[in-house]
PDB file of N, CA and C in Angstrom:
ATOM      1  N   MET A   1     -13.507   2.097 -26.925  1.00  0.00           N
ATOM      2  CA  MET A   1     -13.488   1.374 -24.935  1.00  0.00           C
ATOM      3  C   MET A   1     -13.098   2.189 -24.813  1.00  0.00           C
ATOM      4  N   GLU A   2     -13.869   2.622 -23.292  1.00  0.00           N
ATOM      5  CA  GLU A   2     -13.813   3.212 -22.291  1.00  0.00           C
ATOM      6  C   GLU A   2     -12.463   3.418 -21.251  1.00  0.00           C
ATOM      7  N   ASN A   3     -11.783   4.921 -20.852  1.00  0.00           N
ATOM      8  CA  ASN A   3     -10.920   3.857 -20.064  1.00  0.00           C
ATOM      9  C   ASN A   3     -11.414   4.560 -19.037  1.00  0.00           C
ATOM     10  N   PRO A   4     -10.371   2.708 -18.653  1.00  0.00           N
ATOM     11  CA  PRO A   4     -10.761   2.045 -17.498  1.00  0.00           C
ATOM     12  C   PRO A   4     -10.043   2.994 -15.819  1.00  0.00           C
ATOM     13  N   LEU A   5      -9.371   3.932 -16.138  1.00  0.00           N
ATOM     14  CA  LEU A   5      -9.235   4.769 -15.006  1.00  0.00           C
ATOM     15  C   LEU A   5      -9.573   5.468 -14.431  1.00  0.00           C
ATOM     16  N   ARG A   6     -10.688   5.259 -15.455  1.00  0.00           N
ATOM     17  CA  ARG A   6     -11.623   6.959 -14.923  1.00  0.00           C
ATOM     18  C   ARG A   6     -12.435   7.140 -13.253  1.00  0.00           C
ATOM     19  N   ASP A   7     -12.643   7.334 -12.682  1.00  0.00           N
ATOM     20  CA  ASP A   7     -13.643   7.285 -12.008  1.00  0.00           C
ATOM     21  C   ASP A   7     -14.703   6.289 -12.123  1.00  0.00           C
ATOM     22  N   GLY A   8     -14.844   5.337 -10.712  1.00  0.00           N
ATOM     23  CA  GLY A   8     -15.786   4.422 -11.290  1.00  0.00           C
ATOM     24  C   GLY A   8     -15.768   3.526 -12.740  1.00  0.00           C
ATOM     25  N   GLY A   9     -14.559   3.153 -12.853  1.00  0.00           N
ATOM     26  CA  GLY A   9     -13.810   2.176 -13.685  1.00  0.00           C
ATOM     27  C   GLY A   9     -13.625   0.920 -13.648  1.00  0.00           C
ATOM     28  N   PRO A  10     -13.533   0.335 -14.326  1.00  0.00           N
ATOM     29  CA  PRO A  10     -13.260  -1.054 -14.068  1.00  0.00           C
ATOM     30  C   PRO A  10     -11.860  -1.312 -12.991  1.00  0.00           C
ATOM     31  N   LEU A  11     -10.954   0.039 -13.299  1.00  0.00           N
ATOM     32  CA  LEU A  11     -10.073  -0.584 -12.848  1.00  0.00           C
ATOM     33  C   LEU A  11      -9.715  -0.149 -11.257  1.00  0.00           C
ATOM     34  N   GLU A  12     -10.678   1.461 -10.720  1.00  0.00           N
ATOM     35  CA  GLU A  12     -11.270   1.677  -9.637  1.00  0.00           C
ATOM     36  C   GLU A  12     -11.282   0.832  -9.367  1.00  0.00           C
ATOM     37  N   ARG A  13     -12.284   0.003  -9.205  1.00  0.00           N
ATOM     38  CA  ARG A  13     -13.326  -0.625  -8.674  1.00  0.00           C
ATOM     39  C   ARG A  13     -12.660  -1.946  -8.220  1.00  0.00           C
ATOM     40  N   ALA A  14     -11.748  -2.421  -8.912  1.00  0.00           N
ATOM     41  CA  ALA A  14     -10.738  -3.858  -8.650  1.00  0.00           C
ATOM     42  C   ALA A  14      -9.745  -3.421  -8.089  1.00  0.00           C
ATOM     43  N   MET A  15      -8.570  -2.421  -8.030  1.00  0.00           N
ATOM     44  CA  MET A  15      -7.930  -2.019  -6.371  1.00  0.00           C
ATOM     45  C   MET A  15      -8.230  -2.391  -5.158  1.00  0.00           C
ATOM     46  N   PRO A  16      -9.185  -1.876  -4.465  1.00  0.00           N
ATOM     47  CA  PRO A  16      -9.570  -3.018  -3.502  1.00  0.00           C
ATOM     48  C   PRO A  16      -9.258  -4.592  -2.900  1.00  0.00           C
ATOM     49  N   TRP A  17      -9.824  -4.984  -4.170  1.00  0.00           N
ATOM     50  CA  TRP A  17      -9.376  -6.840  -3.917  1.00  0.00           C
ATOM     51  C   TRP A  17      -8.035  -6.784  -4.572  1.00  0.00           C
ATOM     52  N   LEU A  18      -7.188  -5.824  -5.132  1.00  0.00           N
ATOM     53  CA  LEU A  18      -5.867  -6.197  -5.679  1.00  0.00           C
ATOM     54  C   LEU A  18      -5.162  -5.645  -5.159  1.00  0.00           C
ATOM     55  N   SER A  19      -5.409  -4.959  -3.809  1.00  0.00           N
ATOM     56  CA  SER A  19      -5.119  -4.525  -2.987  1.00  0.00           C
ATOM     57  C   SER A  19      -4.847  -5.753  -1.365  1.00  0.00           C
ATOM     58  N   ALA A  20      -6.043  -6.274  -1.277  1.00  0.00           N
ATOM     59  CA  ALA A  20      -5.387  -7.229  -0.245  1.00  0.00           C
ATOM     60  C   ALA A  20      -4.918  -8.666  -0.988  1.00  0.00           C
ATOM     61  N   ALA A  21      -5.169  -9.123  -2.458  1.00  0.00           N
ATOM     62  CA  ALA A  21      -4.699  -9.562  -2.687  1.00  0.00           C
ATOM     63  C   ALA A  21      -3.101  -9.859  -1.967  1.00  0.00           C
ATOM     64  N   VAL A  22      -2.205  -8.229  -2.593  1.00  0.00           N
ATOM     65  CA  VAL A  22      -1.215  -8.158  -2.561  1.00  0.00           C
ATOM     66  C   VAL A  22      -0.637  -8.040  -0.852  1.00  0.00           C
ATOM     67  N   VAL A  23      -1.316  -7.443  -0.264  1.00  0.00           N
ATOM     68  CA  VAL A  23      -0.485  -7.433   0.987  1.00  0.00           C
ATOM     69  C   VAL A  23      -0.878  -8.923   2.008  1.00  0.00           C
ATOM     70  N   LEU A  24      -1.821  -9.743   1.104  1.00  0.00           N
ATOM     71  CA  LEU A  24      -1.531 -10.622   1.676  1.00  0.00           C
ATOM     72  C   LEU A  24      -0.681 -12.018   1.938  1.00  0.00           C
ATOM     73  N   LEU A  25      -0.611 -11.591   0.276  1.00  0.00           N
ATOM     74  CA  LEU A  25       0.477 -12.344  -0.330  1.00  0.00           C
ATOM     75  C   LEU A  25       1.837 -11.637   0.307  1.00  0.00           C
ATOM     76  N   LEU A  26       2.155 -10.799   0.605  1.00  0.00           N
ATOM     77  CA  LEU A  26       3.269 -10.299   0.909  1.00  0.00           C
ATOM     78  C   LEU A  26       3.316 -10.539   2.636  1.00  0.00           C
ATOM     79  N   ALA A  27       2.389 -10.440   3.364  1.00  0.00           N
ATOM     80  CA  ALA A  27       2.352 -10.621   5.445  1.00  0.00           C
ATOM     81  C   ALA A  27       2.566 -12.635   5.315  1.00  0.00           C
ATOM     82  N   ALA A  28       2.198 -13.027   4.354  1.00  0.00           N
ATOM     83  CA  ALA A  28       1.956 -14.535   4.552  1.00  0.00           C
ATOM     84  C   ALA A  28       3.494 -14.728   3.522  1.00  0.00           C
ATOM     85  N   ALA A  29       4.006 -14.285   2.981  1.00  0.00           N
ATOM     86  CA  ALA A  29       5.499 -14.583   2.994  1.00  0.00           C
ATOM     87  C   ALA A  29       6.270 -14.007   4.091  1.00  0.00           C
ATOM     88  N   THR A  30       6.231 -13.239   4.678  1.00  0.00           N
ATOM     89  CA  THR A  30       7.076 -12.321   5.573  1.00  0.00           C
ATOM     90  C   THR A  30       6.664 -13.387   6.658  1.00  0.00           C
ATOM     91  N   LEU A  31       5.663 -13.135   6.949  1.00  0.00           N
ATOM     92  CA  LEU A  31       5.179 -13.836   8.618  1.00  0.00           C
ATOM     93  C   LEU A  31       5.375 -16.144   8.421  1.00  0.00           C
ATOM     94  N   ALA A  32       5.572 -16.632   6.940  1.00  0.00           N
ATOM     95  CA  ALA A  32       6.568 -17.419   6.653  1.00  0.00           C
ATOM     96  C   ALA A  32       7.884 -17.495   6.285  1.00  0.00           C
ATOM     97  N   GLY A  33       8.666 -16.690   6.374  1.00  0.00           N
ATOM     98  CA  GLY A  33       9.820 -16.064   5.994  1.00  0.00           C
ATOM     99  C   GLY A  33      10.882 -16.383   7.922  1.00  0.00           C
ATOM    100  N   GLY A  34      12.274 -15.886   7.427  1.00  0.00           N
ATOM    101  CA  GLY A  34      13.155 -16.100   9.029  1.00  0.00           C
ATOM    102  C   GLY A  34      12.948 -14.797   9.287  1.00  0.00           C
ATOM    103  N   ALA A  35      11.822 -13.406   9.522  1.00  0.00           N
ATOM    104  CA  ALA A  35      11.958 -12.519   9.645  1.00  0.00           C
ATOM    105  C   ALA A  35      12.320 -12.327  11.697  1.00  0.00           C
ATOM    106  N   GLY A  36      12.511 -11.737  11.870  1.00  0.00           N
ATOM    107  CA  GLY A  36      12.174 -11.294  13.270  1.00  0.00           C
ATOM    108  C   GLY A  36      11.252 -10.828  13.474  1.00  0.00           C
ATOM    109  N   PRO A  37      10.753 -11.529  15.294  1.00  0.00           N
ATOM    110  CA  PRO A  37       9.239 -11.173  15.264  1.00  0.00           C
ATOM    111  C   PRO A  37       8.411  -9.373  15.330  1.00  0.00           C
ATOM    112  N   LEU A  38       9.295  -8.651  15.449  1.00  0.00           N
ATOM    113  CA  LEU A  38       9.278  -6.829  14.913  1.00  0.00           C
ATOM    114  C   LEU A  38       9.136  -6.452  13.958  1.00  0.00           C
ATOM    115  N   VAL A  39       9.294  -7.848  12.628  1.00  0.00           N
ATOM    116  CA  VAL A  39       8.962  -7.439  11.398  1.00  0.00           C
ATOM    117  C   VAL A  39       7.876  -8.207  11.089  1.00  0.00           C
ATOM    118  N   LYS A  40       7.780  -9.150  11.892  1.00  0.00           N
ATOM    119  CA  LYS A  40       6.405 -10.234  11.552  1.00  0.00           C
ATOM    120  C   LYS A  40       4.834  -9.593  12.200  1.00  0.00           C
ATOM    121  N   ALA A  41       5.177  -9.190  13.202  1.00  0.00           N
ATOM    122  CA  ALA A  41       4.372  -7.972  14.006  1.00  0.00           C
ATOM    123  C   ALA A  41       4.043  -6.314  12.981  1.00  0.00           C
ATOM    124  N   LEU A  42       4.841  -5.640  12.719  1.00  0.00           N
ATOM    125  CA  LEU A  42       4.297  -4.748  11.441  1.00  0.00           C
ATOM    126  C   LEU A  42       4.274  -5.415  10.969  1.00  0.00           C
ATOM    127  N   ALA A  43       4.139  -6.500  10.211  1.00  0.00           N
ATOM    128  CA  ALA A  43       3.703  -7.258   8.407  1.00  0.00           C
ATOM    129  C   ALA A  43       2.163  -7.157   9.171  1.00  0.00           C
ATOM    130  N   ALA A  44       1.786  -7.363  10.046  1.00  0.00           N
ATOM    131  CA  ALA A  44       0.685  -8.553  10.597  1.00  0.00           C
ATOM    132  C   ALA A  44      -0.527  -6.804  10.908  1.00  0.00           C
ATOM    133  N   ALA A  45       0.488  -6.154  10.905  1.00  0.00           N
ATOM    134  CA  ALA A  45      -0.575  -5.077  11.489  1.00  0.00           C
ATOM    135  C   ALA A  45      -1.217  -4.047  10.026  1.00  0.00           C
ATOM    136  N   VAL A  46       0.116  -4.184   9.669  1.00  0.00           N
ATOM    137  CA  VAL A  46      -0.127  -3.412   7.859  1.00  0.00           C
ATOM    138  C   VAL A  46      -1.514  -4.591   6.891  1.00  0.00           C
ATOM    139  N   ALA A  47      -1.382  -5.618   7.000  1.00  0.00           N
ATOM    140  CA  ALA A  47      -1.534  -6.699   6.170  1.00  0.00           C
ATOM    141  C   ALA A  47      -3.697  -6.185   6.977  1.00  0.00           C
ATOM    142  N   VAL A  48      -3.480  -5.891   8.718  1.00  0.00           N
ATOM    143  CA  VAL A  48      -4.891  -5.686   8.835  1.00  0.00           C
ATOM    144  C   VAL A  48      -5.147  -4.391   8.560  1.00  0.00           C
ATOM    145  N   ALA A  49      -4.365  -3.710   8.509  1.00  0.00           N
ATOM    146  CA  ALA A  49      -4.889  -2.049   8.104  1.00  0.00           C
ATOM    147  C   ALA A  49      -5.523  -1.889   6.724  1.00  0.00           C
ATOM    148  N   VAL A  50      -4.671  -2.560   6.123  1.00  0.00           N
ATOM    149  CA  VAL A  50      -5.023  -2.775   4.323  1.00  0.00           C
ATOM    150  C   VAL A  50      -6.438  -3.105   4.224  1.00  0.00           C
ATOM    151  N   LEU A  51      -6.131  -4.616   4.437  1.00  0.00           N
ATOM    152  CA  LEU A  51      -7.631  -5.457   4.515  1.00  0.00           C
ATOM    153  C   LEU A  51      -9.054  -5.272   5.054  1.00  0.00           C
ATOM    154  N   GLY A  52      -8.773  -4.105   6.269  1.00  0.00           N
ATOM    155  CA  GLY A  52      -9.915  -3.686   6.449  1.00  0.00           C
ATOM    156  C   GLY A  52     -10.236  -1.713   5.202  1.00  0.00           C
ATOM    157  N   ARG A  53      -9.403  -1.761   5.140  1.00  0.00           N
ATOM    158  CA  ARG A  53      -9.404  -0.590   4.168  1.00  0.00           C
ATOM    159  C   ARG A  53      -9.793  -1.364   3.092  1.00  0.00           C
ATOM    160  N   SER A  54      -9.720  -2.320   2.214  1.00  0.00           N
ATOM    161  CA  SER A  54     -10.012  -2.684   1.195  1.00  0.00           C
ATOM    162  C   SER A  54     -11.702  -3.220   1.148  1.00  0.00           C
ATOM    163  N   ALA A  55     -11.629  -3.908   3.001  1.00  0.00           N
ATOM    164  CA  ALA A  55     -13.032  -4.064   2.909  1.00  0.00           C
ATOM    165  C   ALA A  55     -14.554  -2.932   2.941  1.00  0.00           C
ATOM    166  N   TYR A  56     -13.993  -1.500   3.078  1.00  0.00           N
ATOM    167  CA  TYR A  56     -14.625  -1.096   3.366  1.00  0.00           C
ATOM    168  C   TYR A  56     -14.867  -0.437   2.370  1.00  0.00           C
ATOM    169  N   LEU A  57     -13.809   0.121   1.231  1.00  0.00           N
ATOM    170  CA  LEU A  57     -13.682   0.567  -0.104  1.00  0.00           C
ATOM    171  C   LEU A  57     -15.056  -0.366  -0.556  1.00  0.00           C
ATOM    172  N   VAL A  58     -14.927  -2.290  -1.008  1.00  0.00           N
ATOM    173  CA  VAL A  58     -15.880  -2.585  -1.065  1.00  0.00           C
ATOM    174  C   VAL A  58     -16.848  -3.392  -1.147  1.00  0.00           C
ATOM    175  N   ASN A  59     -17.295  -2.644  -0.093  1.00  0.00           N
ATOM    176  CA  ASN A  59     -19.057  -2.017   0.805  1.00  0.00           C
ATOM    177  C   ASN A  59     -19.533  -1.124   0.765  1.00  0.00           C
ATOM    178  N   ARG A  60     -19.050   0.022   0.689  1.00  0.00           N
ATOM    179  CA  ARG A  60     -18.884   1.294  -0.520  1.00  0.00           C
ATOM    180  C   ARG A  60     -19.478   1.593  -1.283  1.00  0.00           C
ATOM    181  N   ARG A  61     -19.192   0.834  -2.059  1.00  0.00           N
ATOM    182  CA  ARG A  61     -19.666   0.944  -3.363  1.00  0.00           C
ATOM    183  C   ARG A  61     -20.815   0.590  -3.830  1.00  0.00           C
ATOM    184  N   ARG A  62     -21.042  -0.995  -3.239  1.00  0.00           N
ATOM    185  CA  ARG A  62     -22.188  -1.605  -3.361  1.00  0.00           C
ATOM    186  C   ARG A  62     -23.509  -1.181  -3.237  1.00  0.00           C
ATOM    187  N   PRO A  63     -23.974  -1.368  -4.112  1.00  0.00           N
ATOM    188  CA  PRO A  63     -25.759  -0.138  -3.914  1.00  0.00           C
ATOM    189  C   PRO A  63     -26.302  -1.291  -2.505  1.00  0.00           C
ATOM    190  N   PRO A  64     -26.936  -0.154  -1.452  1.00  0.00           N
ATOM    191  CA  PRO A  64     -27.483  -0.563  -0.703  1.00  0.00           C
ATOM    192  C   PRO A  64     -28.807  -1.967  -0.708  1.00  0.00           C
ATOM    193  N   GLY A  65     -28.870  -2.630  -0.307  1.00  0.00           N
ATOM    194  CA  GLY A  65     -29.380  -3.907  -0.018  1.00  0.00           C
ATOM    195  C   GLY A  65     -28.838  -4.673  -0.392  1.00  0.00           C
ATOM    196  N   ARG A  66     -27.691  -5.355  -1.031  1.00  0.00           N
ATOM    197  CA  ARG A  66     -27.041  -5.776  -1.496  1.00  0.00           C
ATOM    198  C   ARG A  66     -26.166  -6.978  -0.969  1.00  0.00           C
TER     199      ARG A  66
END
């Protein structure tokens, strides 16, 4: 079996998707919970930043024309 941690390996390709899923779950839990408005705003800002970076990484790895 090949090393899944190598550059271009399956784990590297899955990380943007995993990061997006984790940050969405954490942001949803924070926004639904009893946190203060500053914490909710910070959670939303971090979620937007991580989701934007994840989308960039997913699209960067796609071949042109797809």
